[in-house]
Amino acid sequence: MKKTTNKLLLRTGALFVASAGLVALMAGTTVPAQAATNGISSITMTPDISGDGKPDVVAVDGAGQMILYAGDMSKKPYPFQSSYPVIGSGWEDYDVIAPGDFSGDGYNDLIGLQRSTGNLYLYPGNGKAQFTTKIQIGSGWSGLKVAASQLNGDKRPDLVAAFPSGVLNLYANAGGNAFAPSYPQVGADWQGYTLLPGGDLDRDGKGDIMSIAPDYTLYLYPGLGNGHFGDRKVVGTGWMGLRSVTSGVDFNQDGYPDIMAINPSGDLLLYSGCAAKVNYSFTGPTVIGSGWTAPVIPSAPSSLGQRIVAKAQATLNTSRLSNWPAEEWCAAYASYILQQSGSGAPYVTLADSFHKSSAYLTWINAGQTPQPGDLALWDADNNGVANHVNIVISVNSAYSFTIIGGNQGGGAGSVTQATVTNGTYGGMKLMGFARPIK
C-alpha cells in the first residue's frame, strides 16, 4: 500500500484581483450547436451552480466556451435541463476545478488553473450560473495536477496538488479567498498518476481523493480529517481509453459521489458510487449523453504523412549519423526524418521538445487515434516529461500501432521497428502524439 509522508514544503502565492467578463446566456440543444461544431475539450462535475439545488456539469468546448449542463436526474435518457447556456469564454487555456463554496459566501465557485502562466484564479459564483470578478489566489502552478476536497476537518474545501516530482502537497483553505501560510507534503510517488477528487466516498464524514495509476487502476485514498490519508484501496481497474474523467460530486443524488467520463465514441458515461455498499466501488457505466466528441484536430496533409512514413521506412536498420548525440538520439532521428520529408519543424535533440503544439506540430493526447506520420512520445519515469519519441508507421487503434525510431533496442546505433499494444512500449507510458502539419 502507498503510504503518505509529512515533510513540510513551502510555496508562495500572492493574492491579486483581475477583471472578468460574463458571456450572455445562450440556449442550446442536447449537444449545443457550438459544441457539436467545436467539440468538447473537457467536462467538470460541480455542486449546484445554477441555483436549483442539483449538481451540474460545466464543459469547455474547442473554442474555449464554457457551457452549463444543469443536472436533472428526472430527465430521461439525458439527465440535464433542456437548455445549455454558454456561461463563459476564453477557457481553452484552463484546467477547471470545482471546489464547491471556496469563498464561504454560500454559493459554489469554480477555480481555473491557467496552463500557460501557472496562475490560479477563483471565480466566485452568485448562485445563478454566473461568476463575479475573478481573483488570483496563486502563481507557479504550471504542470501541477490539482483536485479539491474537504480534507483538514474545518469543512472548507481545500486543494491538493501533485508535482511532476511525485510530491503531493495540501493547500488548506484559510478563508478570505486565501490558503494557509504553510503547505505540508501529504504524499509521495505520484508520478504519472491522474489526481481526482473523491468527495466522501467511504461516508465517514471526511473528504477523500482518488487517482488513476499508470497501470489504469483506480484508487481511493481515504481522508483522515487532518489533511492526511489512510492506506489506499483499489476501487476499479482498466480505467484506460476514457477522456476528461471527473469525480467527487454526487450527481445522481443517491448519497454517494460519482464519476463521469467520455469514451472514444463521444458517449458521456456516469459511474455511480457505491461506497461501503460494495467495497467503495462504482457501478455502470450508464450512457447519459452522446455526441460529446473531442475537438477536431487538424490532419497532417496526407502527402506529408506519407513522406514521413516513406523516409522512416527507408532508414530502417541504418546506423546513427555521426552528428547526432551519441546517446538518446531518438529526437535527433525524428527531427531528421521530419526535415527530410519537407516539414519546417526545427531540429531538436530532446524528446520533450515535441511535447507541445507549435506552428509545425499539433499535440494530441493519448486516447485519441494517431495517423501515420505522427510522432509518439513516451514517459519512462512517470513524471510528465517525454524521454523517448518514435514515428507512427501504421495504426490499428488509439493504443495499437507500429513505430520506427532510433535508440530503441536492436543496438543503440541503429533504427528499428516495433509494435505497440495496450498503450505501452518498453515499460514506458504513452503520453500522446505530435502531428506534423507543415
Protein backbone atom coordinates (compact mmCIF):
# COMPACT_ATOMS: atom_id res chain seq x y z
CA MET A 1 0.00 0.00 0.00
CA LYS A 2 1.15 3.52 -0.69
CA LYS A 3 2.00 5.38 2.49
CA THR A 4 1.99 9.15 2.93
CA THR A 5 4.72 11.30 4.41
CA ASN A 6 4.74 14.52 6.44
CA LYS A 7 7.53 16.67 5.05
CA LEU A 8 6.81 20.40 5.00
CA LEU A 9 7.22 22.14 1.65
CA LEU A 10 6.53 25.86 1.27
CA ARG A 11 5.10 27.53 -1.80
CA THR A 12 4.45 31.20 -2.45
CA GLY A 13 1.11 32.52 -3.61
CA ALA A 14 0.12 36.16 -3.82
CA LEU A 15 -3.47 37.45 -3.91
CA PHE A 16 -4.44 39.62 -6.86
CA VAL A 17 -7.67 40.81 -8.45
CA ALA A 18 -8.30 40.82 -12.20
CA SER A 19 -11.39 41.67 -14.20
CA ALA A 20 -13.50 39.01 -15.90
CA GLY A 21 -16.47 39.50 -18.20
CA LEU A 22 -19.60 37.37 -18.27
CA VAL A 23 -20.96 35.98 -21.51
CA ALA A 24 -24.69 36.36 -22.09
CA LEU A 25 -26.69 33.18 -21.55
CA MET A 26 -27.47 31.33 -24.74
CA ALA A 27 -29.81 28.36 -25.21
CA GLY A 28 -28.69 25.21 -26.96
CA THR A 29 -29.87 21.67 -27.66
CA THR A 30 -28.99 18.25 -26.22
CA VAL A 31 -25.50 18.85 -27.51
CA PRO A 32 -25.36 22.61 -28.29
CA ALA A 33 -24.71 23.59 -31.87
CA GLN A 34 -21.49 25.29 -30.85
CA ALA A 35 -20.31 22.17 -29.01
CA ALA A 36 -21.17 19.94 -31.95
CA THR A 37 -19.12 22.21 -34.20
CA ASN A 38 -16.18 22.80 -31.87
CA GLY A 39 -16.19 19.55 -29.91
CA ILE A 40 -15.92 19.14 -26.12
CA SER A 41 -12.41 19.59 -24.68
CA SER A 42 -13.21 18.88 -21.03
CA ILE A 43 -16.02 18.31 -18.55
CA THR A 44 -16.18 19.01 -14.82
CA MET A 45 -18.89 17.92 -12.40
CA THR A 46 -19.70 20.61 -9.86
CA PRO A 47 -22.03 21.09 -6.91
CA ASP A 48 -25.02 23.22 -7.85
CA ILE A 49 -24.04 26.49 -9.54
CA SER A 50 -27.36 27.16 -11.32
CA GLY A 51 -29.42 27.69 -8.17
CA ASP A 52 -31.83 24.75 -8.38
CA GLY A 53 -30.16 22.65 -5.70
CA LYS A 54 -28.99 19.94 -8.13
CA PRO A 55 -25.41 19.16 -9.20
CA ASP A 56 -24.30 20.39 -12.62
CA VAL A 57 -21.69 19.81 -15.30
CA VAL A 58 -19.62 22.52 -16.99
CA ALA A 59 -17.99 21.72 -20.31
CA VAL A 60 -15.32 23.64 -22.22
CA ASP A 61 -15.60 23.33 -26.00
CA GLY A 62 -12.91 23.57 -28.65
CA ALA A 63 -13.44 27.32 -28.97
CA GLY A 64 -12.90 27.91 -25.24
CA GLN A 65 -16.57 28.48 -24.42
CA MET A 66 -17.84 27.22 -21.07
CA ILE A 67 -21.23 25.55 -21.38
CA LEU A 68 -23.54 24.76 -18.44
CA TYR A 69 -25.36 21.43 -18.36
CA ALA A 70 -27.72 21.86 -15.40
CA GLY A 71 -28.29 18.43 -13.84
CA ASP A 72 -31.76 16.93 -13.52
CA MET A 73 -31.98 13.19 -12.88
CA SER A 74 -35.74 13.26 -13.63
CA LYS A 75 -34.95 13.79 -17.32
CA LYS A 76 -34.54 10.62 -19.41
CA PRO A 77 -32.38 9.42 -21.05
CA TYR A 78 -30.17 12.51 -20.63
CA PRO A 79 -30.27 13.90 -17.06
CA PHE A 80 -29.91 17.57 -17.92
CA GLN A 81 -32.18 20.57 -18.30
CA SER A 82 -33.34 21.23 -21.87
CA SER A 83 -31.25 24.37 -22.45
CA TYR A 84 -27.47 24.60 -22.32
CA PRO A 85 -26.30 28.19 -21.87
CA VAL A 86 -22.81 29.43 -22.62
CA ILE A 87 -21.64 30.99 -19.34
CA GLY A 88 -18.09 31.98 -20.20
CA SER A 89 -15.41 32.27 -22.85
CA GLY A 90 -11.63 32.16 -23.05
CA TRP A 91 -11.34 28.87 -21.10
CA GLU A 92 -9.25 26.99 -23.68
CA ASP A 93 -6.06 27.57 -21.63
CA TYR A 94 -7.50 26.49 -18.26
CA ASP A 95 -7.93 23.38 -16.16
CA VAL A 96 -11.30 23.69 -14.40
CA ILE A 97 -11.61 22.72 -10.72
CA ALA A 98 -14.95 22.60 -8.86
CA PRO A 99 -14.25 23.10 -5.14
CA GLY A 100 -17.79 23.90 -4.01
CA ASP A 101 -18.09 27.03 -1.88
CA PHE A 102 -14.42 28.00 -1.64
CA SER A 103 -15.13 31.66 -0.80
CA GLY A 104 -17.53 30.85 2.06
CA ASP A 105 -20.34 33.13 0.85
CA GLY A 106 -22.94 30.38 0.44
CA TYR A 107 -22.54 29.98 -3.34
CA ASN A 108 -20.50 27.36 -5.15
CA ASP A 109 -17.46 28.58 -7.10
CA LEU A 110 -15.05 27.47 -9.79
CA ILE A 111 -11.25 27.60 -9.84
CA GLY A 112 -9.26 27.92 -13.06
CA LEU A 113 -5.60 26.94 -13.43
CA GLN A 114 -4.17 28.80 -16.42
CA ARG A 115 -1.75 26.35 -18.01
CA SER A 116 0.35 28.89 -19.93
CA THR A 117 1.10 31.10 -16.89
CA GLY A 118 0.62 28.81 -13.89
CA ASN A 119 -1.72 31.35 -12.32
CA LEU A 120 -4.60 30.06 -10.19
CA TYR A 121 -7.87 32.00 -10.21
CA LEU A 122 -11.02 31.82 -8.09
CA TYR A 123 -14.30 32.53 -9.88
CA PRO A 124 -16.84 33.31 -7.11
CA GLY A 125 -20.31 32.08 -8.04
CA ASN A 126 -23.52 34.04 -7.49
CA GLY A 127 -25.91 31.07 -7.46
CA LYS A 128 -27.26 31.91 -10.92
CA ALA A 129 -24.66 30.19 -13.10
CA GLN A 130 -22.68 33.43 -13.24
CA PHE A 131 -19.40 34.48 -11.68
CA THR A 132 -18.20 37.76 -10.26
CA THR A 133 -14.76 39.28 -10.78
CA LYS A 134 -12.11 36.59 -10.75
CA ILE A 135 -9.45 36.66 -8.03
CA GLN A 136 -5.89 35.37 -8.44
CA ILE A 137 -5.19 33.06 -5.50
CA GLY A 138 -1.88 31.54 -6.58
CA SER A 139 1.01 31.53 -9.02
CA GLY A 140 3.61 29.00 -10.09
CA TRP A 141 1.12 26.14 -10.52
CA SER A 142 2.23 25.17 -14.07
CA GLY A 143 2.43 21.43 -14.60
CA LEU A 144 0.61 20.57 -11.37
CA LYS A 145 -2.34 18.18 -11.15
CA VAL A 146 -4.95 19.62 -8.78
CA ALA A 147 -8.06 18.32 -7.01
CA ALA A 148 -10.42 19.76 -4.41
CA SER A 149 -11.85 18.08 -1.30
CA GLN A 150 -12.61 18.91 2.35
CA LEU A 151 -9.50 17.42 3.89
CA ASN A 152 -8.39 19.07 7.14
CA GLY A 153 -11.60 18.90 9.17
CA ASP A 154 -12.69 22.56 9.05
CA LYS A 155 -15.42 21.93 6.43
CA ARG A 156 -13.84 24.34 3.95
CA PRO A 157 -12.88 22.90 0.54
CA ASP A 158 -9.10 22.53 0.23
CA LEU A 159 -6.80 21.75 -2.69
CA VAL A 160 -4.18 19.05 -3.14
CA ALA A 161 -1.59 19.34 -5.89
CA ALA A 162 0.69 16.66 -7.35
CA PHE A 163 4.07 17.87 -8.62
CA PRO A 164 5.96 16.27 -11.54
CA SER A 165 8.46 15.06 -8.91
CA GLY A 166 5.71 12.96 -7.31
CA VAL A 167 5.27 15.15 -4.23
CA LEU A 168 1.66 15.71 -3.12
CA ASN A 169 1.01 18.92 -1.17
CA LEU A 170 -2.04 20.13 0.76
CA TYR A 171 -3.20 23.72 0.25
CA ALA A 172 -5.62 24.32 3.10
CA ASN A 173 -8.36 26.90 2.61
CA ALA A 174 -7.80 29.55 5.28
CA GLY A 175 -10.89 31.60 4.39
CA GLY A 176 -10.83 35.05 2.88
CA ASN A 177 -10.04 33.55 -0.57
CA ALA A 178 -6.57 32.55 0.57
CA PHE A 179 -4.58 29.47 1.54
CA ALA A 180 -2.96 28.72 4.88
CA PRO A 181 0.64 30.01 5.06
CA SER A 182 2.22 26.55 5.04
CA TYR A 183 1.70 23.78 2.51
CA PRO A 184 2.54 20.38 4.03
CA GLN A 185 3.57 17.42 1.94
CA VAL A 186 0.92 14.73 2.37
CA GLY A 187 2.06 12.17 -0.19
CA ALA A 188 4.87 10.94 -2.43
CA ASP A 189 5.41 8.82 -5.54
CA TRP A 190 2.55 10.41 -7.50
CA GLN A 191 4.47 10.50 -10.80
CA GLY A 192 2.20 9.51 -13.67
CA TYR A 193 -0.97 9.37 -11.55
CA THR A 194 -4.17 11.20 -12.52
CA LEU A 195 -5.36 13.03 -9.39
CA LEU A 196 -9.13 13.12 -8.80
CA PRO A 197 -11.42 14.48 -6.07
CA GLY A 198 -13.17 11.76 -4.09
CA GLY A 199 -15.88 13.59 -2.20
CA ASP A 200 -16.66 11.49 0.88
CA LEU A 201 -16.80 8.13 -0.88
CA ASP A 202 -16.44 6.00 2.27
CA ARG A 203 -19.13 8.00 4.12
CA ASP A 204 -17.08 8.62 7.26
CA GLY A 205 -17.61 12.40 7.25
CA LYS A 206 -14.08 13.10 5.96
CA GLY A 207 -13.12 14.15 2.45
CA ASP A 208 -11.22 11.72 0.23
CA ILE A 209 -9.26 11.80 -3.03
CA MET A 210 -8.82 9.23 -5.81
CA SER A 211 -6.31 8.53 -8.55
CA ILE A 212 -5.86 6.61 -11.77
CA ALA A 213 -2.45 4.90 -11.70
CA PRO A 214 -0.15 4.44 -14.72
CA ASP A 215 -1.46 0.86 -14.98
CA TYR A 216 -5.05 2.27 -15.11
CA THR A 217 -6.01 1.08 -11.62
CA LEU A 218 -8.48 3.37 -9.81
CA TYR A 219 -7.55 4.01 -6.17
CA LEU A 220 -9.36 5.61 -3.24
CA TYR A 221 -7.27 7.48 -0.62
CA PRO A 222 -9.49 7.75 2.48
CA GLY A 223 -9.08 11.10 4.19
CA LEU A 224 -8.30 11.09 7.92
CA GLY A 225 -9.74 14.57 8.52
CA ASN A 226 -6.33 16.08 9.34
CA GLY A 227 -5.06 16.60 5.79
CA HIS A 228 -3.51 13.13 5.57
CA PHE A 229 -4.71 9.83 4.15
CA GLY A 230 -5.03 6.20 5.14
CA ASP A 231 -3.86 3.28 3.03
CA ARG A 232 -5.19 3.43 -0.50
CA LYS A 233 -7.87 0.99 -1.67
CA VAL A 234 -8.42 -0.43 -5.16
CA VAL A 235 -11.88 0.64 -6.35
CA GLY A 236 -11.55 -0.20 -10.05
CA THR A 237 -9.29 -1.49 -12.80
CA GLY A 238 -8.97 -0.96 -16.55
CA TRP A 239 -9.62 2.79 -16.50
CA MET A 240 -7.97 3.44 -19.88
CA GLY A 241 -9.33 4.97 -23.07
CA LEU A 242 -11.51 7.48 -21.21
CA ARG A 243 -11.27 11.23 -21.63
CA SER A 244 -11.85 14.05 -19.15
CA VAL A 245 -12.56 11.91 -16.08
CA THR A 246 -14.33 13.99 -13.40
CA SER A 247 -15.44 12.91 -9.92
CA GLY A 248 -16.19 13.82 -6.32
CA VAL A 249 -19.79 15.03 -6.81
CA ASP A 250 -22.98 13.07 -6.06
CA PHE A 251 -24.55 13.78 -9.44
CA ASN A 252 -27.40 11.26 -9.16
CA GLN A 253 -28.12 12.38 -5.58
CA ASP A 254 -28.18 8.90 -4.02
CA GLY A 255 -25.75 9.86 -1.26
CA TYR A 256 -22.53 8.60 -2.90
CA PRO A 257 -20.04 10.56 -5.07
CA ASP A 258 -19.99 9.54 -8.74
CA ILE A 259 -17.59 9.60 -11.70
CA MET A 260 -18.21 10.91 -15.21
CA ALA A 261 -16.05 10.43 -18.29
CA ILE A 262 -16.22 10.50 -22.08
CA ASN A 263 -15.42 7.37 -24.08
CA PRO A 264 -13.72 7.33 -27.52
CA SER A 265 -17.13 7.23 -29.25
CA GLY A 266 -18.16 10.52 -27.64
CA ASP A 267 -20.61 8.97 -25.15
CA LEU A 268 -20.92 10.68 -21.77
CA LEU A 269 -20.73 7.99 -19.09
CA LEU A 270 -21.91 8.03 -15.46
CA TYR A 271 -20.35 5.62 -12.94
CA SER A 272 -22.50 5.59 -9.80
CA GLY A 273 -20.68 5.49 -6.47
CA CYS A 274 -21.49 2.61 -4.13
CA ALA A 275 -19.12 3.40 -1.26
CA ALA A 276 -19.37 0.94 1.63
CA LYS A 277 -22.30 -0.86 -0.01
CA VAL A 278 -19.95 -2.61 -2.46
CA ASN A 279 -16.39 -2.16 -1.18
CA TYR A 280 -16.15 1.53 -2.12
CA SER A 281 -16.69 0.75 -5.81
CA PHE A 282 -18.72 2.10 -8.73
CA THR A 283 -21.50 0.62 -10.85
CA GLY A 284 -22.16 1.24 -14.51
CA PRO A 285 -21.37 2.93 -16.68
CA THR A 286 -24.67 4.36 -17.83
CA VAL A 287 -24.67 6.38 -21.03
CA ILE A 288 -26.17 9.79 -20.18
CA GLY A 289 -25.17 11.71 -23.32
CA SER A 290 -23.95 11.30 -26.86
CA GLY A 291 -22.08 13.48 -29.32
CA TRP A 292 -19.53 14.65 -26.74
CA THR A 293 -16.71 14.20 -29.22
CA ALA A 294 -13.30 15.81 -28.88
CA PRO A 295 -12.45 18.95 -30.84
CA VAL A 296 -11.38 18.26 -34.40
CA ILE A 297 -7.60 18.04 -34.62
CA PRO A 298 -6.01 19.32 -37.82
CA SER A 299 -4.92 16.44 -40.00
CA ALA A 300 -1.48 16.41 -41.48
CA PRO A 301 -1.52 16.82 -45.24
CA SER A 302 -1.67 13.25 -46.47
CA SER A 303 1.36 13.84 -48.66
CA LEU A 304 3.43 14.99 -45.62
CA GLY A 305 2.42 11.97 -43.54
CA GLN A 306 3.18 9.66 -46.45
CA ARG A 307 6.60 11.23 -46.96
CA ILE A 308 7.44 10.87 -43.26
CA VAL A 309 6.47 7.18 -43.29
CA ALA A 310 8.43 6.53 -46.50
CA LYS A 311 11.55 8.28 -45.18
CA ALA A 312 11.37 6.37 -41.90
CA GLN A 313 10.95 3.03 -43.65
CA ALA A 314 13.90 3.82 -45.92
CA THR A 315 16.16 4.29 -42.88
CA LEU A 316 15.13 1.06 -41.14
CA ASN A 317 18.20 -0.80 -39.74
CA THR A 318 20.56 2.03 -40.71
CA SER A 319 23.09 3.46 -38.25
CA ARG A 320 23.08 6.66 -36.23
CA LEU A 321 24.51 9.66 -38.08
CA SER A 322 27.79 10.94 -36.65
CA ASN A 323 26.44 14.44 -35.94
CA TRP A 324 23.66 13.12 -33.70
CA PRO A 325 24.08 12.71 -29.93
CA ALA A 326 25.88 9.50 -29.01
CA GLU A 327 23.11 8.60 -26.56
CA GLU A 328 19.37 9.27 -26.51
CA TRP A 329 19.38 10.22 -30.18
CA CYS A 330 15.73 9.35 -30.80
CA ALA A 331 14.74 13.04 -31.02
CA ALA A 332 17.56 13.84 -33.45
CA TYR A 333 16.41 10.96 -35.64
CA ALA A 334 12.78 12.14 -35.59
CA SER A 335 13.86 15.70 -36.43
CA TYR A 336 15.99 14.41 -39.30
CA ILE A 337 13.06 12.44 -40.76
CA LEU A 338 10.74 15.45 -40.50
CA GLN A 339 13.20 17.74 -42.24
CA GLN A 340 13.95 15.18 -44.93
CA SER A 341 10.20 14.93 -45.52
CA GLY A 342 9.78 18.66 -46.03
CA SER A 343 8.46 19.68 -42.59
CA GLY A 344 9.59 23.04 -41.25
CA ALA A 345 9.76 21.75 -37.65
CA PRO A 346 13.11 22.80 -36.12
CA TYR A 347 15.88 20.32 -35.29
CA VAL A 348 15.81 19.22 -31.63
CA THR A 349 17.77 16.73 -29.53
CA LEU A 350 15.31 16.27 -26.62
CA ALA A 351 12.16 14.18 -26.99
CA ASP A 352 10.19 16.51 -24.70
CA SER A 353 10.73 19.35 -27.19
CA PHE A 354 7.95 17.74 -29.26
CA HIS A 355 5.57 17.79 -26.27
CA LYS A 356 3.68 20.92 -27.28
CA SER A 357 1.82 22.45 -30.18
CA SER A 358 3.59 24.88 -32.49
CA ALA A 359 3.27 26.33 -35.96
CA TYR A 360 4.54 22.98 -37.27
CA LEU A 361 3.12 20.44 -34.82
CA THR A 362 -0.27 19.81 -33.19
CA TRP A 363 -0.35 18.00 -29.84
CA ILE A 364 -2.77 15.06 -29.46
CA ASN A 365 -3.41 13.45 -26.08
CA ALA A 366 -3.16 9.70 -25.57
CA GLY A 367 -6.51 8.03 -26.11
CA GLN A 368 -7.08 9.69 -29.46
CA THR A 369 -6.20 7.71 -32.56
CA PRO A 370 -2.95 8.69 -34.28
CA GLN A 371 -2.33 8.67 -38.00
CA PRO A 372 0.74 7.51 -39.93
CA GLY A 373 3.47 10.13 -39.77
CA ASP A 374 2.65 11.24 -36.20
CA LEU A 375 5.37 11.25 -33.54
CA ALA A 376 4.61 9.07 -30.48
CA LEU A 377 6.02 10.41 -27.18
CA TRP A 378 6.79 8.20 -24.19
CA ASP A 379 7.34 8.82 -20.46
CA ALA A 380 9.75 6.36 -18.84
CA ASP A 381 9.80 7.98 -15.38
CA ASN A 382 6.09 8.78 -14.89
CA ASN A 383 6.95 12.44 -14.30
CA GLY A 384 5.15 14.03 -17.24
CA VAL A 385 8.35 14.53 -19.24
CA ALA A 386 8.89 12.71 -22.55
CA ASN A 387 12.01 10.53 -22.58
CA HIS A 388 11.56 8.88 -25.95
CA VAL A 389 10.00 9.61 -29.34
CA ASN A 390 9.37 7.50 -32.42
CA ILE A 391 7.38 7.68 -35.65
CA VAL A 392 3.98 6.04 -36.21
CA ILE A 393 4.04 3.95 -39.39
CA SER A 394 0.66 2.19 -39.32
CA VAL A 395 -2.34 2.27 -36.98
CA ASN A 396 -4.75 -0.35 -35.62
CA SER A 397 -6.29 1.71 -32.81
CA ALA A 398 -5.53 4.51 -30.34
CA TYR A 399 -3.35 2.13 -28.31
CA SER A 400 -2.11 -0.27 -31.01
CA PHE A 401 0.21 0.86 -33.80
CA THR A 402 3.58 0.25 -35.45
CA ILE A 403 6.53 2.56 -34.85
CA ILE A 404 10.01 3.19 -36.22
CA GLY A 405 12.61 5.02 -34.16
CA GLY A 406 16.20 5.46 -33.18
CA ASN A 407 17.89 4.32 -29.98
CA GLN A 408 15.11 1.91 -29.06
CA GLY A 409 16.64 -1.55 -28.98
CA GLY A 410 18.31 -3.72 -31.57
CA GLY A 411 21.51 -1.88 -30.81
CA ALA A 412 21.74 1.75 -29.71
CA GLY A 413 23.24 2.73 -33.05
CA SER A 414 20.51 1.52 -35.39
CA VAL A 415 16.97 2.39 -36.46
CA THR A 416 14.43 -0.30 -35.55
CA GLN A 417 10.73 -1.08 -35.91
CA ALA A 418 8.35 -2.30 -33.19
CA THR A 419 4.65 -2.83 -32.48
CA VAL A 420 2.82 -1.08 -29.64
CA THR A 421 -0.09 -2.76 -27.84
CA ASN A 422 -2.16 -1.51 -24.89
CA GLY A 423 -0.51 1.91 -24.97
CA THR A 424 2.82 0.80 -23.50
CA TYR A 425 6.24 0.30 -25.05
CA GLY A 426 9.43 -0.85 -23.34
CA GLY A 427 7.87 -0.20 -19.94
CA MET A 428 7.13 3.41 -20.88
CA LYS A 429 3.73 5.13 -20.75
CA LEU A 430 2.25 6.73 -23.86
CA MET A 431 1.87 10.48 -23.37
CA GLY A 432 0.38 11.34 -26.75
CA PHE A 433 1.33 12.33 -30.26
CA ALA A 434 2.85 15.30 -32.07
CA ARG A 435 1.29 15.63 -35.51
CA PRO A 436 3.39 17.42 -38.16
CA ILE A 437 1.09 19.80 -40.04
CA LYS A 438 3.62 21.58 -42.24
